[in-house]
Amino acid sequence: MYRVALDISQAKPEQVIYIDDREMFVEVARGLGITGITHASYEATKKSLEALGLSLSN
């Protein structure tokens, strides 16, 4: 699934951030070189994205 999405989007794994609340899927993405964030709460995910240089507007 992840490789197909990368192929379709023509993105490199290092250009992608995958967010999911299931750690197992996040780990699979990380295994392919994709930055993975396990969603636990809005605030925690927001902080993780900010640490990567992205910001969310409320």
N, C-alpha and C. Protein backbone atom coordinates (compact mmCIF):
# COMPACT_ATOMS: atom_id res chain seq x y z
N MET A 1 0.81 -1.19 0.00
CA MET A 1 0.00 0.00 0.00
C MET A 1 0.87 1.26 0.00
N TYR A 2 1.89 1.29 0.86
CA TYR A 2 2.74 2.48 0.96
C TYR A 2 3.55 2.68 -0.32
N ARG A 3 4.08 1.59 -0.84
CA ARG A 3 4.88 1.69 -2.06
C ARG A 3 4.02 2.15 -3.24
N VAL A 4 2.79 1.65 -3.31
CA VAL A 4 1.88 2.07 -4.38
C VAL A 4 1.60 3.57 -4.25
N ALA A 5 1.34 4.03 -3.02
CA ALA A 5 1.08 5.46 -2.80
C ALA A 5 2.30 6.30 -3.19
N LEU A 6 3.49 5.83 -2.87
CA LEU A 6 4.70 6.55 -3.25
C LEU A 6 4.84 6.59 -4.77
N ASP A 7 4.57 5.46 -5.43
CA ASP A 7 4.67 5.41 -6.89
C ASP A 7 3.66 6.35 -7.54
N ILE A 8 2.42 6.30 -7.08
CA ILE A 8 1.38 7.15 -7.67
C ILE A 8 1.69 8.63 -7.47
N SER A 9 2.14 8.98 -6.28
CA SER A 9 2.43 10.39 -5.98
C SER A 9 3.79 10.83 -6.52
N GLN A 10 4.60 9.87 -6.93
CA GLN A 10 5.96 10.12 -7.40
C GLN A 10 6.76 10.88 -6.35
N ALA A 11 6.54 10.50 -5.09
CA ALA A 11 7.25 11.12 -3.97
C ALA A 11 8.31 10.15 -3.44
N LYS A 12 9.36 10.71 -2.92
CA LYS A 12 10.39 9.92 -2.26
C LYS A 12 9.97 9.73 -0.81
N PRO A 13 10.33 8.61 -0.18
CA PRO A 13 9.93 8.37 1.21
C PRO A 13 10.30 9.51 2.16
N GLU A 14 11.43 10.13 1.93
CA GLU A 14 11.87 11.21 2.82
C GLU A 14 11.05 12.49 2.64
N GLN A 15 10.18 12.53 1.64
CA GLN A 15 9.31 13.68 1.41
C GLN A 15 7.92 13.48 2.01
N VAL A 16 7.71 12.35 2.68
CA VAL A 16 6.37 11.97 3.13
C VAL A 16 6.32 11.87 4.65
N ILE A 17 5.18 12.28 5.21
CA ILE A 17 4.89 12.06 6.63
C ILE A 17 3.61 11.24 6.70
N TYR A 18 3.69 10.13 7.42
CA TYR A 18 2.53 9.25 7.57
C TYR A 18 2.03 9.37 9.01
N ILE A 19 0.75 9.64 9.19
CA ILE A 19 0.15 9.78 10.52
C ILE A 19 -0.96 8.76 10.65
N ASP A 20 -0.91 7.99 11.74
CA ASP A 20 -1.94 6.98 12.00
C ASP A 20 -2.00 6.75 13.50
N ASP A 21 -3.14 6.30 13.98
CA ASP A 21 -3.24 6.00 15.41
C ASP A 21 -2.86 4.56 15.73
N ARG A 22 -2.49 3.81 14.70
CA ARG A 22 -2.07 2.42 14.91
C ARG A 22 -0.57 2.31 14.70
N GLU A 23 0.14 2.07 15.79
CA GLU A 23 1.60 2.03 15.79
C GLU A 23 2.14 1.04 14.75
N MET A 24 1.47 -0.08 14.57
CA MET A 24 1.94 -1.09 13.63
C MET A 24 2.08 -0.50 12.23
N PHE A 25 1.11 0.27 11.78
CA PHE A 25 1.16 0.86 10.45
C PHE A 25 2.22 1.95 10.35
N VAL A 26 2.39 2.69 11.41
CA VAL A 26 3.42 3.73 11.45
C VAL A 26 4.81 3.07 11.34
N GLU A 27 5.00 1.96 12.03
CA GLU A 27 6.29 1.26 11.97
C GLU A 27 6.58 0.72 10.58
N VAL A 28 5.56 0.22 9.89
CA VAL A 28 5.76 -0.24 8.51
C VAL A 28 6.21 0.92 7.64
N ALA A 29 5.56 2.06 7.78
CA ALA A 29 5.94 3.25 7.00
C ALA A 29 7.38 3.65 7.31
N ARG A 30 7.74 3.64 8.57
CA ARG A 30 9.11 4.00 8.96
C ARG A 30 10.12 3.03 8.35
N GLY A 31 9.73 1.77 8.27
CA GLY A 31 10.61 0.76 7.68
C GLY A 31 10.91 1.03 6.21
N LEU A 32 10.06 1.81 5.56
CA LEU A 32 10.27 2.19 4.16
C LEU A 32 10.96 3.54 4.02
N GLY A 33 11.33 4.15 5.15
CA GLY A 33 12.00 5.44 5.12
C GLY A 33 11.08 6.63 5.21
N ILE A 34 9.80 6.37 5.48
CA ILE A 34 8.81 7.43 5.62
C ILE A 34 8.80 7.91 7.07
N THR A 35 8.73 9.21 7.30
CA THR A 35 8.60 9.73 8.65
C THR A 35 7.22 9.36 9.16
N GLY A 36 7.16 8.72 10.31
CA GLY A 36 5.88 8.28 10.86
C GLY A 36 5.57 8.93 12.19
N ILE A 37 4.31 9.29 12.36
CA ILE A 37 3.83 9.87 13.61
C ILE A 37 2.64 9.04 14.08
N THR A 38 2.72 8.57 15.31
CA THR A 38 1.59 7.86 15.89
C THR A 38 0.68 8.89 16.55
N HIS A 39 -0.53 9.00 16.04
CA HIS A 39 -1.49 9.97 16.56
C HIS A 39 -2.09 9.46 17.87
N ALA A 40 -1.94 10.27 18.91
CA ALA A 40 -2.56 9.96 20.19
C ALA A 40 -3.55 11.05 20.58
N SER A 41 -3.21 12.28 20.20
CA SER A 41 -4.09 13.42 20.46
C SER A 41 -3.74 14.53 19.48
N TYR A 42 -4.66 15.45 19.33
CA TYR A 42 -4.42 16.59 18.43
C TYR A 42 -3.16 17.34 18.84
N GLU A 43 -3.05 17.65 20.12
CA GLU A 43 -1.90 18.43 20.60
C GLU A 43 -0.58 17.70 20.39
N ALA A 44 -0.54 16.41 20.67
CA ALA A 44 0.70 15.64 20.49
C ALA A 44 1.09 15.57 19.02
N THR A 45 0.12 15.35 18.15
CA THR A 45 0.41 15.29 16.72
C THR A 45 0.84 16.65 16.21
N LYS A 46 0.19 17.69 16.68
CA LYS A 46 0.56 19.06 16.30
C LYS A 46 2.00 19.34 16.69
N LYS A 47 2.41 18.95 17.89
CA LYS A 47 3.79 19.17 18.35
C LYS A 47 4.77 18.37 17.50
N SER A 48 4.40 17.14 17.14
CA SER A 48 5.27 16.32 16.29
C SER A 48 5.46 16.97 14.92
N LEU A 49 4.39 17.51 14.37
CA LEU A 49 4.49 18.18 13.08
C LEU A 49 5.31 19.46 13.18
N GLU A 50 5.13 20.20 14.27
CA GLU A 50 5.90 21.42 14.49
C GLU A 50 7.39 21.10 14.60
N ALA A 51 7.72 19.97 15.22
CA ALA A 51 9.12 19.56 15.35
C ALA A 51 9.73 19.26 13.97
N LEU A 52 8.88 18.95 13.01
CA LEU A 52 9.34 18.71 11.64
C LEU A 52 9.31 19.96 10.78
N GLY A 53 8.95 21.10 11.40
CA GLY A 53 8.94 22.36 10.68
C GLY A 53 7.60 22.71 10.05
N LEU A 54 6.56 21.98 10.41
CA LEU A 54 5.21 22.26 9.88
C LEU A 54 4.37 22.84 10.98
N SER A 55 3.38 23.66 10.62
CA SER A 55 2.49 24.20 11.63
C SER A 55 1.05 24.08 11.17
N LEU A 56 0.16 24.00 12.14
CA LEU A 56 -1.27 23.91 11.88
C LEU A 56 -1.94 25.16 12.43
N SER A 57 -2.87 25.68 11.70
CA SER A 57 -3.68 26.80 12.20
C SER A 57 -4.90 26.23 12.88
N ASN A 58 -5.29 26.82 13.98
CA ASN A 58 -6.47 26.34 14.70
C ASN A 58 -7.71 26.79 14.03
